[in-house]
Amino acid sequence: MLRSASAFALGTALLLAPAGAAMAHTPLFSCYDNGDGTVLCEAGFSDGSSASGVAVRVLDADGGVLTDSQMDANSEFTFEMPEGDYSVLFDAGEGHQITVPAAEIF
């Protein structure tokens, strides 16, 4: 009886683990005008995970890539503010992308 109870508990844990992991990994991404012609973006995940190495792109108004980089070891990315309209894309994969338009960067 103990063996089947242990097997049931293990099976239940394995079934529930992917659902819990998916719900606990929401991306967080914000960008700020430094006031000196540069923009600082910070990122992470709701479960406390680092965003170090995650792709980040500065896009022009037509979606063209102006800068293609990645978050640094501190989960930060700083870039020179481009002329005209632009946006910043944090791209941690499908379902984990956030775009911040220039109009929302203060």
C-alpha atoms as a PDB file:
ATOM      1  CA  MET A   1       0.000   0.000   0.000  1.00  0.00           C
ATOM      2  CA  LEU A   2       2.798   2.409   0.857  1.00  0.00           C
ATOM      3  CA  ARG A   3       4.436   1.739  -2.497  1.00  0.00           C
ATOM      4  CA  SER A   4       1.286   2.637  -4.478  1.00  0.00           C
ATOM      5  CA  ALA A   5       0.752   5.770  -2.393  1.00  0.00           C
ATOM      6  CA  SER A   6       4.331   6.856  -3.150  1.00  0.00           C
ATOM      7  CA  ALA A   7       3.882   6.131  -6.845  1.00  0.00           C
ATOM      8  CA  PHE A   8       0.615   8.116  -6.863  1.00  0.00           C
ATOM      9  CA  ALA A   9       2.279  11.091  -5.126  1.00  0.00           C
ATOM     10  CA  LEU A  10       5.216  11.028  -7.536  1.00  0.00           C
ATOM     11  CA  GLY A  11       2.918  10.784 -10.553  1.00  0.00           C
ATOM     12  CA  THR A  12       0.789  13.671  -9.334  1.00  0.00           C
ATOM     13  CA  ALA A  13       3.869  15.824  -8.703  1.00  0.00           C
ATOM     14  CA  LEU A  14       5.209  15.118 -12.187  1.00  0.00           C
ATOM     15  CA  LEU A  15       1.873  16.035 -13.771  1.00  0.00           C
ATOM     16  CA  LEU A  16       1.546  19.283 -11.848  1.00  0.00           C
ATOM     17  CA  ALA A  17       5.174  20.436 -12.138  1.00  0.00           C
ATOM     18  CA  PRO A  18       4.983  21.678 -15.768  1.00  0.00           C
ATOM     19  CA  ALA A  19       1.817  23.681 -15.060  1.00  0.00           C
ATOM     20  CA  GLY A  20       3.353  25.336 -12.013  1.00  0.00           C
ATOM     21  CA  ALA A  21       6.590  26.098 -13.824  1.00  0.00           C
ATOM     22  CA  ALA A  22       4.753  27.713 -16.729  1.00  0.00           C
ATOM     23  CA  MET A  23       2.693  29.928 -14.442  1.00  0.00           C
ATOM     24  CA  ALA A  24       5.676  31.026 -12.331  1.00  0.00           C
ATOM     25  CA  HIS A  25       7.857  32.380 -15.121  1.00  0.00           C
ATOM     26  CA  THR A  26       6.238  35.634 -16.298  1.00  0.00           C
ATOM     27  CA  PRO A  27       8.696  38.079 -17.919  1.00  0.00           C
ATOM     28  CA  LEU A  28       9.133  41.559 -16.431  1.00  0.00           C
ATOM     29  CA  PHE A  29      10.649  44.377 -18.524  1.00  0.00           C
ATOM     30  CA  SER A  30      10.895  48.154 -18.063  1.00  0.00           C
ATOM     31  CA  CYS A  31      12.873  50.922 -19.756  1.00  0.00           C
ATOM     32  CA  TYR A  32      13.832  54.382 -18.443  1.00  0.00           C
ATOM     33  CA  ASP A  33      15.208  57.566 -20.039  1.00  0.00           C
ATOM     34  CA  ASN A  34      18.500  58.332 -18.286  1.00  0.00           C
ATOM     35  CA  GLY A  35      18.235  62.001 -19.318  1.00  0.00           C
ATOM     36  CA  ASP A  36      21.622  61.901 -21.060  1.00  0.00           C
ATOM     37  CA  GLY A  37      20.582  60.507 -24.453  1.00  0.00           C
ATOM     38  CA  THR A  38      20.648  56.888 -23.258  1.00  0.00           C
ATOM     39  CA  VAL A  39      17.954  54.449 -22.159  1.00  0.00           C
ATOM     40  CA  LEU A  40      18.300  51.817 -19.427  1.00  0.00           C
ATOM     41  CA  CYS A  41      16.169  48.668 -19.615  1.00  0.00           C
ATOM     42  CA  GLU A  42      15.855  46.188 -16.749  1.00  0.00           C
ATOM     43  CA  ALA A  43      14.372  42.691 -16.925  1.00  0.00           C
ATOM     44  CA  GLY A  44      13.745  39.530 -14.973  1.00  0.00           C
ATOM     45  CA  PHE A  45      11.095  36.899 -14.352  1.00  0.00           C
ATOM     46  CA  SER A  46       8.339  36.700 -11.765  1.00  0.00           C
ATOM     47  CA  ASP A  47       9.940  33.638 -10.169  1.00  0.00           C
ATOM     48  CA  GLY A  48      13.119  35.628  -9.475  1.00  0.00           C
ATOM     49  CA  SER A  49      15.078  34.218 -12.416  1.00  0.00           C
ATOM     50  CA  SER A  50      17.704  36.376 -14.072  1.00  0.00           C
ATOM     51  CA  ALA A  51      17.209  37.671 -17.612  1.00  0.00           C
ATOM     52  CA  SER A  52      20.953  37.652 -18.273  1.00  0.00           C
ATOM     53  CA  GLY A  53      21.631  36.642 -21.880  1.00  0.00           C
ATOM     54  CA  VAL A  54      18.037  37.153 -23.075  1.00  0.00           C
ATOM     55  CA  ALA A  55      17.749  38.788 -26.514  1.00  0.00           C
ATOM     56  CA  VAL A  56      16.783  42.455 -26.638  1.00  0.00           C
ATOM     57  CA  ARG A  57      16.316  44.556 -29.780  1.00  0.00           C
ATOM     58  CA  VAL A  58      15.759  48.224 -30.502  1.00  0.00           C
ATOM     59  CA  LEU A  59      13.355  48.492 -33.444  1.00  0.00           C
ATOM     60  CA  ASP A  60      12.537  51.430 -35.712  1.00  0.00           C
ATOM     61  CA  ALA A  61       8.948  52.498 -36.488  1.00  0.00           C
ATOM     62  CA  ASP A  62       8.732  49.920 -39.299  1.00  0.00           C
ATOM     63  CA  GLY A  63       9.996  47.038 -37.137  1.00  0.00           C
ATOM     64  CA  GLY A  64      13.523  47.110 -38.567  1.00  0.00           C
ATOM     65  CA  VAL A  65      16.305  46.188 -36.153  1.00  0.00           C
ATOM     66  CA  LEU A  66      18.440  49.164 -35.077  1.00  0.00           C
ATOM     67  CA  THR A  67      20.285  47.294 -32.307  1.00  0.00           C
ATOM     68  CA  ASP A  68      20.437  43.552 -31.650  1.00  0.00           C
ATOM     69  CA  SER A  69      21.888  42.665 -28.261  1.00  0.00           C
ATOM     70  CA  GLN A  70      21.184  40.805 -25.020  1.00  0.00           C
ATOM     71  CA  MET A  71      20.641  41.575 -21.362  1.00  0.00           C
ATOM     72  CA  ASP A  72      23.929  41.804 -19.438  1.00  0.00           C
ATOM     73  CA  ALA A  73      24.959  39.898 -16.305  1.00  0.00           C
ATOM     74  CA  ASN A  74      22.844  42.293 -14.190  1.00  0.00           C
ATOM     75  CA  SER A  75      19.772  41.775 -16.428  1.00  0.00           C
ATOM     76  CA  GLU A  76      20.223  45.301 -17.800  1.00  0.00           C
ATOM     77  CA  PHE A  77      20.632  46.812 -21.263  1.00  0.00           C
ATOM     78  CA  THR A  78      21.641  50.408 -22.003  1.00  0.00           C
ATOM     79  CA  PHE A  79      21.534  51.968 -25.455  1.00  0.00           C
ATOM     80  CA  GLU A  80      21.767  55.347 -27.204  1.00  0.00           C
ATOM     81  CA  MET A  81      18.294  56.744 -27.808  1.00  0.00           C
ATOM     82  CA  PRO A  82      17.674  56.691 -31.571  1.00  0.00           C
ATOM     83  CA  GLU A  83      16.148  59.557 -33.552  1.00  0.00           C
ATOM     84  CA  GLY A  84      12.452  59.212 -34.359  1.00  0.00           C
ATOM     85  CA  ASP A  85       9.960  56.610 -33.232  1.00  0.00           C
ATOM     86  CA  TYR A  86      11.276  53.299 -31.881  1.00  0.00           C
ATOM     87  CA  SER A  87      10.450  50.448 -29.531  1.00  0.00           C
ATOM     88  CA  VAL A  88      12.414  47.966 -27.432  1.00  0.00           C
ATOM     89  CA  LEU A  89      11.677  44.231 -27.680  1.00  0.00           C
ATOM     90  CA  PHE A  90      12.571  41.838 -24.854  1.00  0.00           C
ATOM     91  CA  ASP A  91      12.517  38.383 -26.464  1.00  0.00           C
ATOM     92  CA  ALA A  92      12.776  35.386 -24.141  1.00  0.00           C
ATOM     93  CA  GLY A  93      10.920  33.163 -26.619  1.00  0.00           C
ATOM     94  CA  GLU A  94       7.333  32.431 -27.543  1.00  0.00           C
ATOM     95  CA  GLY A  95       4.935  33.711 -24.906  1.00  0.00           C
ATOM     96  CA  HIS A  96       7.755  35.598 -23.167  1.00  0.00           C
ATOM     97  CA  GLN A  97       8.071  38.731 -25.307  1.00  0.00           C
ATOM     98  CA  ILE A  98       7.460  42.302 -24.184  1.00  0.00           C
ATOM     99  CA  THR A  99       7.624  45.396 -26.378  1.00  0.00           C
ATOM    100  CA  VAL A 100       8.024  48.849 -24.835  1.00  0.00           C
ATOM    101  CA  PRO A 101       7.237  51.719 -27.246  1.00  0.00           C
ATOM    102  CA  ALA A 102       9.310  54.920 -27.013  1.00  0.00           C
ATOM    103  CA  ALA A 103       6.184  56.828 -25.899  1.00  0.00           C
ATOM    104  CA  GLU A 104       6.211  54.749 -22.643  1.00  0.00           C
ATOM    105  CA  ILE A 105       9.877  55.434 -21.819  1.00  0.00           C
ATOM    106  CA  PHE A 106      10.245  58.282 -19.290  1.00  0.00           C
END
